[in-house]
Amino acid sequence: MFGLFKSNPLKKLQTQHEALLSEAFQAQRNGNIRLYSTLTAEAEAIREQIEALKAESVG
């Protein structure tokens, strides 16, 4: 019951990951490959955090 009002860090990270991938996609379409690479690297780092949280919650 008290967990109802706690924020979910996994959901927040997934939202950030999706937003970065979307920005990276737009940067690539606009021809800004350097920004695309930077955003993709940031998204990959967040994905690794997501995977770590999922592994923590399972085990």
PDB file of N, CA and C in Angstrom:
ATOM      1  N   MET A   1       0.827  -1.187   0.000  1.00  0.00           N
ATOM      2  CA  MET A   1       0.000   0.000   0.000  1.00  0.00           C
ATOM      3  C   MET A   1       0.870   1.248   0.000  1.00  0.00           C
ATOM      4  N   PHE A   2       1.945   1.244   0.797  1.00  0.00           N
ATOM      5  CA  PHE A   2       2.779   2.432   0.868  1.00  0.00           C
ATOM      6  C   PHE A   2       3.680   2.570  -0.356  1.00  0.00           C
ATOM      7  N   GLY A   3       3.862   1.493  -1.094  1.00  0.00           N
ATOM      8  CA  GLY A   3       4.649   1.538  -2.315  1.00  0.00           C
ATOM      9  C   GLY A   3       3.919   2.239  -3.449  1.00  0.00           C
ATOM     10  N   LEU A   4       2.661   2.529  -3.235  1.00  0.00           N
ATOM     11  CA  LEU A   4       1.841   3.172  -4.263  1.00  0.00           C
ATOM     12  C   LEU A   4       2.375   4.543  -4.651  1.00  0.00           C
ATOM     13  N   PHE A   5       2.903   5.279  -3.683  1.00  0.00           N
ATOM     14  CA  PHE A   5       3.331   6.647  -3.945  1.00  0.00           C
ATOM     15  C   PHE A   5       4.828   6.776  -4.198  1.00  0.00           C
ATOM     16  N   LYS A   6       5.556   5.661  -4.201  1.00  0.00           N
ATOM     17  CA  LYS A   6       6.984   5.692  -4.495  1.00  0.00           C
ATOM     18  C   LYS A   6       7.191   5.828  -5.997  1.00  0.00           C
ATOM     19  N   SER A   7       8.227   6.574  -6.356  1.00  0.00           N
ATOM     20  CA  SER A   7       8.521   6.688  -7.774  1.00  0.00           C
ATOM     21  C   SER A   7       9.256   5.437  -8.224  1.00  0.00           C
ATOM     22  N   ASN A   8       9.042   5.073  -9.453  1.00  0.00           N
ATOM     23  CA  ASN A   8       9.650   3.881 -10.013  1.00  0.00           C
ATOM     24  C   ASN A   8      10.870   4.307 -10.831  1.00  0.00           C
ATOM     25  N   PRO A   9      12.083   4.038 -10.350  1.00  0.00           N
ATOM     26  CA  PRO A   9      13.281   4.474 -11.082  1.00  0.00           C
ATOM     27  C   PRO A   9      13.411   3.777 -12.431  1.00  0.00           C
ATOM     28  N   LEU A  10      12.905   2.572 -12.548  1.00  0.00           N
ATOM     29  CA  LEU A  10      12.979   1.840 -13.809  1.00  0.00           C
ATOM     30  C   LEU A  10      12.141   2.541 -14.883  1.00  0.00           C
ATOM     31  N   LYS A  11      10.965   2.973 -14.518  1.00  0.00           N
ATOM     32  CA  LYS A  11      10.082   3.648 -15.466  1.00  0.00           C
ATOM     33  C   LYS A  11      10.693   4.978 -15.918  1.00  0.00           C
ATOM     34  N   LYS A  12      11.299   5.690 -14.974  1.00  0.00           N
ATOM     35  CA  LYS A  12      11.933   6.970 -15.288  1.00  0.00           C
ATOM     36  C   LYS A  12      13.089   6.764 -16.264  1.00  0.00           C
ATOM     37  N   LEU A  13      13.906   5.744 -16.020  1.00  0.00           N
ATOM     38  CA  LEU A  13      15.034   5.458 -16.905  1.00  0.00           C
ATOM     39  C   LEU A  13      14.552   5.039 -18.296  1.00  0.00           C
ATOM     40  N   GLN A  14      13.488   4.256 -18.358  1.00  0.00           N
ATOM     41  CA  GLN A  14      12.954   3.840 -19.652  1.00  0.00           C
ATOM     42  C   GLN A  14      12.439   5.038 -20.445  1.00  0.00           C
ATOM     43  N   THR A  15      11.825   5.981 -19.762  1.00  0.00           N
ATOM     44  CA  THR A  15      11.334   7.188 -20.421  1.00  0.00           C
ATOM     45  C   THR A  15      12.498   8.008 -20.969  1.00  0.00           C
ATOM     46  N   GLN A  16      13.567   8.147 -20.173  1.00  0.00           N
ATOM     47  CA  GLN A  16      14.753   8.876 -20.627  1.00  0.00           C
ATOM     48  C   GLN A  16      15.393   8.168 -21.814  1.00  0.00           C
ATOM     49  N   HIS A  17      15.447   6.855 -21.768  1.00  0.00           N
ATOM     50  CA  HIS A  17      16.046   6.063 -22.842  1.00  0.00           C
ATOM     51  C   HIS A  17      15.283   6.276 -24.147  1.00  0.00           C
ATOM     52  N   GLU A  18      13.969   6.196 -24.078  1.00  0.00           N
ATOM     53  CA  GLU A  18      13.144   6.397 -25.265  1.00  0.00           C
ATOM     54  C   GLU A  18      13.298   7.806 -25.830  1.00  0.00           C
ATOM     55  N   ALA A  19      13.371   8.797 -24.953  1.00  0.00           N
ATOM     56  CA  ALA A  19      13.519  10.180 -25.397  1.00  0.00           C
ATOM     57  C   ALA A  19      14.867  10.382 -26.089  1.00  0.00           C
ATOM     58  N   LEU A  20      15.932   9.808 -25.532  1.00  0.00           N
ATOM     59  CA  LEU A  20      17.246   9.937 -26.152  1.00  0.00           C
ATOM     60  C   LEU A  20      17.290   9.258 -27.514  1.00  0.00           C
ATOM     61  N   LEU A  21      16.673   8.087 -27.618  1.00  0.00           N
ATOM     62  CA  LEU A  21      16.657   7.394 -28.901  1.00  0.00           C
ATOM     63  C   LEU A  21      15.877   8.183 -29.947  1.00  0.00           C
ATOM     64  N   SER A  22      14.805   8.813 -29.514  1.00  0.00           N
ATOM     65  CA  SER A  22      14.016   9.631 -30.430  1.00  0.00           C
ATOM     66  C   SER A  22      14.819  10.845 -30.909  1.00  0.00           C
ATOM     67  N   GLU A  23      15.516  11.496 -29.973  1.00  0.00           N
ATOM     68  CA  GLU A  23      16.356  12.646 -30.346  1.00  0.00           C
ATOM     69  C   GLU A  23      17.483  12.204 -31.278  1.00  0.00           C
ATOM     70  N   ALA A  24      18.060  11.043 -30.997  1.00  0.00           N
ATOM     71  CA  ALA A  24      19.144  10.533 -31.834  1.00  0.00           C
ATOM     72  C   ALA A  24      18.640  10.249 -33.247  1.00  0.00           C
ATOM     73  N   PHE A  25      17.460   9.692 -33.343  1.00  0.00           N
ATOM     74  CA  PHE A  25      16.861   9.421 -34.648  1.00  0.00           C
ATOM     75  C   PHE A  25      16.684  10.711 -35.444  1.00  0.00           C
ATOM     76  N   GLN A  26      16.187  11.744 -34.794  1.00  0.00           N
ATOM     77  CA  GLN A  26      15.985  13.023 -35.478  1.00  0.00           C
ATOM     78  C   GLN A  26      17.315  13.639 -35.886  1.00  0.00           C
ATOM     79  N   ALA A  27      18.322  13.522 -35.040  1.00  0.00           N
ATOM     80  CA  ALA A  27      19.643  14.056 -35.364  1.00  0.00           C
ATOM     81  C   ALA A  27      20.218  13.339 -36.579  1.00  0.00           C
ATOM     82  N   GLN A  28      20.037  12.030 -36.637  1.00  0.00           N
ATOM     83  CA  GLN A  28      20.537  11.261 -37.777  1.00  0.00           C
ATOM     84  C   GLN A  28      19.814  11.675 -39.058  1.00  0.00           C
ATOM     85  N   ARG A  29      18.524  11.867 -38.977  1.00  0.00           N
ATOM     86  CA  ARG A  29      17.763  12.269 -40.166  1.00  0.00           C
ATOM     87  C   ARG A  29      18.157  13.659 -40.651  1.00  0.00           C
ATOM     88  N   ASN A  30      18.575  14.514 -39.693  1.00  0.00           N
ATOM     89  CA  ASN A  30      18.993  15.864 -40.060  1.00  0.00           C
ATOM     90  C   ASN A  30      20.446  15.913 -40.529  1.00  0.00           C
ATOM     91  N   GLY A  31      21.145  14.784 -40.460  1.00  0.00           N
ATOM     92  CA  GLY A  31      22.517  14.734 -40.935  1.00  0.00           C
ATOM     93  C   GLY A  31      23.557  15.060 -39.891  1.00  0.00           C
ATOM     94  N   ASN A  32      23.148  15.186 -38.642  1.00  0.00           N
ATOM     95  CA  ASN A  32      24.080  15.508 -37.565  1.00  0.00           C
ATOM     96  C   ASN A  32      24.544  14.200 -36.908  1.00  0.00           C
ATOM     97  N   ILE A  33      25.518  13.566 -37.554  1.00  0.00           N
ATOM     98  CA  ILE A  33      25.963  12.244 -37.123  1.00  0.00           C
ATOM     99  C   ILE A  33      26.702  12.314 -35.782  1.00  0.00           C
ATOM    100  N   ARG A  34      27.409  13.392 -35.542  1.00  0.00           N
ATOM    101  CA  ARG A  34      28.133  13.525 -34.272  1.00  0.00           C
ATOM    102  C   ARG A  34      27.152  13.560 -33.102  1.00  0.00           C
ATOM    103  N   LEU A  35      26.083  14.333 -33.213  1.00  0.00           N
ATOM    104  CA  LEU A  35      25.070  14.385 -32.162  1.00  0.00           C
ATOM    105  C   LEU A  35      24.371  13.039 -32.036  1.00  0.00           C
ATOM    106  N   TYR A  36      24.116  12.391 -33.156  1.00  0.00           N
ATOM    107  CA  TYR A  36      23.508  11.063 -33.152  1.00  0.00           C
ATOM    108  C   TYR A  36      24.360  10.088 -32.342  1.00  0.00           C
ATOM    109  N   SER A  37      25.663  10.112 -32.569  1.00  0.00           N
ATOM    110  CA  SER A  37      26.568   9.216 -31.857  1.00  0.00           C
ATOM    111  C   SER A  37      26.573   9.501 -30.359  1.00  0.00           C
ATOM    112  N   THR A  38      26.582  10.766 -29.998  1.00  0.00           N
ATOM    113  CA  THR A  38      26.582  11.152 -28.589  1.00  0.00           C
ATOM    114  C   THR A  38      25.305  10.696 -27.897  1.00  0.00           C
ATOM    115  N   LEU A  39      24.176  10.955 -28.529  1.00  0.00           N
ATOM    116  CA  LEU A  39      22.894  10.582 -27.936  1.00  0.00           C
ATOM    117  C   LEU A  39      22.733   9.067 -27.849  1.00  0.00           C
ATOM    118  N   THR A  40      23.224   8.364 -28.853  1.00  0.00           N
ATOM    119  CA  THR A  40      23.147   6.907 -28.840  1.00  0.00           C
ATOM    120  C   THR A  40      23.998   6.338 -27.716  1.00  0.00           C
ATOM    121  N   ALA A  41      25.161   6.915 -27.486  1.00  0.00           N
ATOM    122  CA  ALA A  41      26.028   6.456 -26.394  1.00  0.00           C
ATOM    123  C   ALA A  41      25.358   6.698 -25.037  1.00  0.00           C
ATOM    124  N   GLU A  42      24.717   7.844 -24.878  1.00  0.00           N
ATOM    125  CA  GLU A  42      24.003   8.132 -23.633  1.00  0.00           C
ATOM    126  C   GLU A  42      22.841   7.154 -23.435  1.00  0.00           C
ATOM    127  N   ALA A  43      22.125   6.864 -24.511  1.00  0.00           N
ATOM    128  CA  ALA A  43      21.012   5.922 -24.434  1.00  0.00           C
ATOM    129  C   ALA A  43      21.509   4.528 -24.072  1.00  0.00           C
ATOM    130  N   GLU A  44      22.658   4.144 -24.589  1.00  0.00           N
ATOM    131  CA  GLU A  44      23.235   2.837 -24.274  1.00  0.00           C
ATOM    132  C   GLU A  44      23.612   2.748 -22.797  1.00  0.00           C
ATOM    133  N   ALA A  45      24.148   3.823 -22.250  1.00  0.00           N
ATOM    134  CA  ALA A  45      24.497   3.849 -20.832  1.00  0.00           C
ATOM    135  C   ALA A  45      23.248   3.696 -19.964  1.00  0.00           C
ATOM    136  N   ILE A  46      22.184   4.351 -20.348  1.00  0.00           N
ATOM    137  CA  ILE A  46      20.930   4.246 -19.602  1.00  0.00           C
ATOM    138  C   ILE A  46      20.356   2.840 -19.734  1.00  0.00           C
ATOM    139  N   ARG A  47      20.489   2.233 -20.918  1.00  0.00           N
ATOM    140  CA  ARG A  47      19.998   0.873 -21.115  1.00  0.00           C
ATOM    141  C   ARG A  47      20.734  -0.102 -20.194  1.00  0.00           C
ATOM    142  N   GLU A  48      22.017   0.115 -20.015  1.00  0.00           N
ATOM    143  CA  GLU A  48      22.790  -0.731 -19.112  1.00  0.00           C
ATOM    144  C   GLU A  48      22.314  -0.574 -17.666  1.00  0.00           C
ATOM    145  N   GLN A  49      21.950   0.652 -17.284  1.00  0.00           N
ATOM    146  CA  GLN A  49      21.418   0.882 -15.940  1.00  0.00           C
ATOM    147  C   GLN A  49      20.086   0.161 -15.781  1.00  0.00           C
ATOM    148  N   ILE A  50      19.274   0.187 -16.827  1.00  0.00           N
ATOM    149  CA  ILE A  50      17.972  -0.484 -16.796  1.00  0.00           C
ATOM    150  C   ILE A  50      18.176  -1.990 -16.611  1.00  0.00           C
ATOM    151  N   GLU A  51      19.104  -2.548 -17.381  1.00  0.00           N
ATOM    152  CA  GLU A  51      19.382  -3.975 -17.270  1.00  0.00           C
ATOM    153  C   GLU A  51      19.880  -4.333 -15.861  1.00  0.00           C
ATOM    154  N   ALA A  52      20.707  -3.480 -15.275  1.00  0.00           N
ATOM    155  CA  ALA A  52      21.219  -3.728 -13.921  1.00  0.00           C
ATOM    156  C   ALA A  52      20.069  -3.704 -12.908  1.00  0.00           C
ATOM    157  N   LEU A  53      19.146  -2.756 -13.050  1.00  0.00           N
ATOM    158  CA  LEU A  53      18.012  -2.690 -12.130  1.00  0.00           C
ATOM    159  C   LEU A  53      17.104  -3.910 -12.272  1.00  0.00           C
ATOM    160  N   LYS A  54      16.915  -4.346 -13.511  1.00  0.00           N
ATOM    161  CA  LYS A  54      16.080  -5.533 -13.737  1.00  0.00           C
ATOM    162  C   LYS A  54      16.729  -6.763 -13.115  1.00  0.00           C
ATOM    163  N   ALA A  55      18.049  -6.893 -13.269  1.00  0.00           N
ATOM    164  CA  ALA A  55      18.747  -8.040 -12.691  1.00  0.00           C
ATOM    165  C   ALA A  55      18.709  -7.997 -11.170  1.00  0.00           C
ATOM    166  N   GLU A  56      18.770  -6.795 -10.608  1.00  0.00           N
ATOM    167  CA  GLU A  56      18.688  -6.621  -9.165  1.00  0.00           C
ATOM    168  C   GLU A  56      17.335  -7.046  -8.625  1.00  0.00           C
ATOM    169  N   SER A  57      16.284  -6.684  -9.338  1.00  0.00           N
ATOM    170  CA  SER A  57      14.943  -6.980  -8.861  1.00  0.00           C
ATOM    171  C   SER A  57      14.614  -8.458  -8.995  1.00  0.00           C
ATOM    172  N   VAL A  58      15.217  -9.137  -9.965  1.00  0.00           N
ATOM    173  CA  VAL A  58      14.962 -10.556 -10.156  1.00  0.00           C
ATOM    174  C   VAL A  58      15.732 -11.392  -9.146  1.00  0.00           C
ATOM    175  N   GLY A  59      16.987 -11.039  -8.942  1.00  0.00           N
ATOM    176  CA  GLY A  59      17.838 -11.883  -8.099  1.00  0.00           C
ATOM    177  C   GLY A  59      18.004 -11.304  -6.780  1.00  0.00           C
TER     178      GLY A  59
END
